[in-house]
C-alpha atoms as a PDB file:
ATOM      1  CA  UNK A   1      92.106  -6.020  46.742  1.00  0.00           C
ATOM      2  CA  UNK A   2      90.270  -2.906  45.703  1.00  0.00           C
ATOM      3  CA  UNK A   3      89.971  -1.724  42.128  1.00  0.00           C
ATOM      4  CA  UNK A   4      88.809   1.461  40.459  1.00  0.00           C
ATOM      5  CA  UNK A   5      86.599   0.805  37.435  1.00  0.00           C
ATOM      6  CA  UNK A   6      86.349   4.080  35.489  1.00  0.00           C
ATOM      7  CA  UNK A   7      83.507   4.542  33.007  1.00  0.00           C
ATOM      8  CA  UNK A   8      84.615   6.307  29.815  1.00  0.00           C
ATOM      9  CA  UNK A   9      81.986   8.420  28.047  1.00  0.00           C
ATOM     10  CA  UNK A  10      82.467   8.923  24.309  1.00  0.00           C
ATOM     11  CA  UNK A  11      79.065   9.762  22.848  1.00  0.00           C
ATOM     12  CA  UNK A  12      76.474  12.531  22.911  1.00  0.00           C
ATOM     13  CA  UNK A  13      73.823  12.208  25.579  1.00  0.00           C
ATOM     14  CA  UNK A  14      73.832  10.422  28.885  1.00  0.00           C
ATOM     15  CA  UNK A  15      72.619   6.944  29.758  1.00  0.00           C
ATOM     16  CA  UNK A  16      69.315   5.778  28.333  1.00  0.00           C
ATOM     17  CA  UNK A  17      66.574   4.504  30.656  1.00  0.00           C
ATOM     18  CA  UNK A  18      67.517   0.949  29.616  1.00  0.00           C
ATOM     19  CA  UNK A  19      71.179   1.558  30.490  1.00  0.00           C
ATOM     20  CA  UNK A  20      70.196   3.093  33.844  1.00  0.00           C
ATOM     21  CA  UNK A  21      68.111  -0.004  34.617  1.00  0.00           C
ATOM     22  CA  UNK A  22      70.973  -2.346  33.656  1.00  0.00           C
ATOM     23  CA  UNK A  23      73.386  -0.345  35.834  1.00  0.00           C
ATOM     24  CA  UNK A  24      70.980  -0.640  38.783  1.00  0.00           C
ATOM     25  CA  UNK A  25      70.830  -4.421  38.332  1.00  0.00           C
ATOM     26  CA  UNK A  26      74.632  -4.602  38.136  1.00  0.00           C
ATOM     27  CA  UNK A  27      74.997  -2.426  41.254  1.00  0.00           C
ATOM     28  CA  UNK A  28      72.565  -4.647  43.153  1.00  0.00           C
ATOM     29  CA  UNK A  29      74.582  -7.707  42.145  1.00  0.00           C
ATOM     30  CA  UNK A  30      77.870  -6.120  43.249  1.00  0.00           C
ATOM     31  CA  UNK A  31      76.318  -5.385  46.633  1.00  0.00           C
ATOM     32  CA  UNK A  32      74.737  -8.840  47.017  1.00  0.00           C
ATOM     33  CA  UNK A  33      78.020 -10.600  46.181  1.00  0.00           C
ATOM     34  CA  UNK A  34      80.169  -8.414  48.467  1.00  0.00           C
ATOM     35  CA  UNK A  35      82.112  -6.629  45.721  1.00  0.00           C
ATOM     36  CA  UNK A  36      80.571  -3.183  46.271  1.00  0.00           C
ATOM     37  CA  UNK A  37      82.602  -0.447  47.958  1.00  0.00           C
ATOM     38  CA  UNK A  38      81.332   2.741  46.332  1.00  0.00           C
ATOM     39  CA  UNK A  39      80.136   4.069  42.984  1.00  0.00           C
ATOM     40  CA  UNK A  40      79.107   7.364  41.505  1.00  0.00           C
ATOM     41  CA  UNK A  41      78.326   9.306  38.394  1.00  0.00           C
ATOM     42  CA  UNK A  42      80.093  12.544  37.532  1.00  0.00           C
ATOM     43  CA  UNK A  43      79.008  15.785  35.900  1.00  0.00           C
ATOM     44  CA  UNK A  44      80.349  16.641  32.465  1.00  0.00           C
ATOM     45  CA  UNK A  45      83.824  18.189  32.173  1.00  0.00           C
ATOM     46  CA  UNK A  46      82.217  21.599  31.632  1.00  0.00           C
ATOM     47  CA  UNK A  47      81.375  21.580  35.355  1.00  0.00           C
ATOM     48  CA  UNK A  48      84.995  20.906  36.371  1.00  0.00           C
ATOM     49  CA  UNK A  49      87.323  23.266  38.192  1.00  0.00           C
ATOM     50  CA  UNK A  50      91.086  22.743  38.129  1.00  0.00           C
ATOM     51  CA  UNK A  51      93.209  23.935  41.067  1.00  0.00           C
ATOM     52  CA  UNK A  52      97.002  24.123  40.844  1.00  0.00           C
ATOM     53  CA  UNK A  53      98.634  25.018  44.142  1.00  0.00           C
ATOM     54  CA  UNK A  54     102.174  23.875  43.354  1.00  0.00           C
ATOM     55  CA  UNK A  55     103.482  27.419  43.439  1.00  0.00           C
ATOM     56  CA  UNK A  56     103.134  30.286  45.866  1.00  0.00           C
ATOM     57  CA  UNK A  57      99.487  30.904  45.047  1.00  0.00           C
ATOM     58  CA  UNK A  58      96.635  28.609  44.048  1.00  0.00           C
ATOM     59  CA  UNK A  59      95.518  28.997  40.423  1.00  0.00           C
ATOM     60  CA  UNK A  60      91.851  28.159  39.886  1.00  0.00           C
ATOM     61  CA  UNK A  61      90.666  27.509  36.332  1.00  0.00           C
ATOM     62  CA  UNK A  62      87.132  26.750  35.180  1.00  0.00           C
ATOM     63  CA  UNK A  63      86.626  23.868  32.821  1.00  0.00           C
ATOM     64  CA  UNK A  64      88.298  20.523  32.256  1.00  0.00           C
ATOM     65  CA  UNK A  65      91.968  19.821  32.815  1.00  0.00           C
ATOM     66  CA  UNK A  66      92.171  18.295  29.362  1.00  0.00           C
ATOM     67  CA  UNK A  67      89.975  18.747  26.293  1.00  0.00           C
ATOM     68  CA  UNK A  68      88.992  15.347  24.933  1.00  0.00           C
ATOM     69  CA  UNK A  69      86.208  13.528  23.103  1.00  0.00           C
ATOM     70  CA  UNK A  70      86.317  10.891  25.870  1.00  0.00           C
ATOM     71  CA  UNK A  71      85.992  11.645  29.547  1.00  0.00           C
ATOM     72  CA  UNK A  72      85.320  10.026  32.902  1.00  0.00           C
ATOM     73  CA  UNK A  73      81.545   9.957  33.503  1.00  0.00           C
ATOM     74  CA  UNK A  74      81.395   7.597  36.477  1.00  0.00           C
ATOM     75  CA  UNK A  75      83.158   4.896  38.431  1.00  0.00           C
ATOM     76  CA  UNK A  76      82.872   1.904  40.669  1.00  0.00           C
ATOM     77  CA  UNK A  77      85.234   1.008  43.481  1.00  0.00           C
ATOM     78  CA  UNK A  78      85.031  -2.733  43.913  1.00  0.00           C
ATOM     79  CA  UNK A  79      86.547  -5.472  46.062  1.00  0.00           C
ATOM     80  CA  UNK A  80      87.799  -8.521  44.201  1.00  0.00           C
ATOM     81  CA  UNK A  81      90.008 -11.466  45.149  1.00  0.00           C
ATOM     82  CA  UNK A  82      92.359 -10.789  42.225  1.00  0.00           C
ATOM     83  CA  UNK A  83      92.707  -9.009  38.886  1.00  0.00           C
ATOM     84  CA  UNK A  84      90.940 -11.790  36.988  1.00  0.00           C
ATOM     85  CA  UNK A  85      87.805 -11.356  39.107  1.00  0.00           C
ATOM     86  CA  UNK A  86      88.026  -7.559  38.788  1.00  0.00           C
ATOM     87  CA  UNK A  87      88.313  -7.799  34.999  1.00  0.00           C
ATOM     88  CA  UNK A  88      85.314 -10.126  34.805  1.00  0.00           C
ATOM     89  CA  UNK A  89      83.246  -7.728  36.909  1.00  0.00           C
ATOM     90  CA  UNK A  90      84.444  -4.761  34.846  1.00  0.00           C
ATOM     91  CA  UNK A  91      83.391  -6.517  31.636  1.00  0.00           C
ATOM     92  CA  UNK A  92      79.923  -6.985  33.125  1.00  0.00           C
ATOM     93  CA  UNK A  93      79.863  -3.329  34.187  1.00  0.00           C
ATOM     94  CA  UNK A  94      80.869  -2.269  30.674  1.00  0.00           C
ATOM     95  CA  UNK A  95      77.975  -4.259  29.257  1.00  0.00           C
ATOM     96  CA  UNK A  96      75.557  -2.805  31.816  1.00  0.00           C
ATOM     97  CA  UNK A  97      76.448   0.835  31.150  1.00  0.00           C
ATOM     98  CA  UNK A  98      77.192   0.302  27.452  1.00  0.00           C
ATOM     99  CA  UNK A  99      80.492   2.184  27.756  1.00  0.00           C
ATOM    100  CA  UNK A 100      84.195   1.388  27.802  1.00  0.00           C
ATOM    101  CA  UNK A 101      85.715   0.978  31.252  1.00  0.00           C
ATOM    102  CA  UNK A 102      89.254   1.100  32.605  1.00  0.00           C
ATOM    103  CA  UNK A 103      90.389  -1.017  35.569  1.00  0.00           C
ATOM    104  CA  UNK A 104      93.155   0.044  37.964  1.00  0.00           C
ATOM    105  CA  UNK A 105      94.189  -1.533  41.266  1.00  0.00           C
ATOM    106  CA  UNK A 106      94.627   0.634  44.333  1.00  0.00           C
ATOM    107  CA  UNK A 107      98.119   0.545  45.825  1.00  0.00           C
END
């Protein structure tokens, strides 16, 4: 199965050099063990654009969809045999990036 591991940012400043190094080690391990699908970091919510095209005309709004102290700063998409394996990997990812993470299976 594939899982989305979302990294939740809740502090001022981005990753420290030590956190970046730990993330690199974790990423290398995911790749070596066959769990890696894709990963990426995201810009801050200030760089977001929201598009709502549910009506007759698309509405484009600058800024985040939702104002919050916490926001999605990055993610991993991983392959894991089951939820238990995904949760173990997510716990290791949380330690590596020093942030909370959320795990969701793909349908």
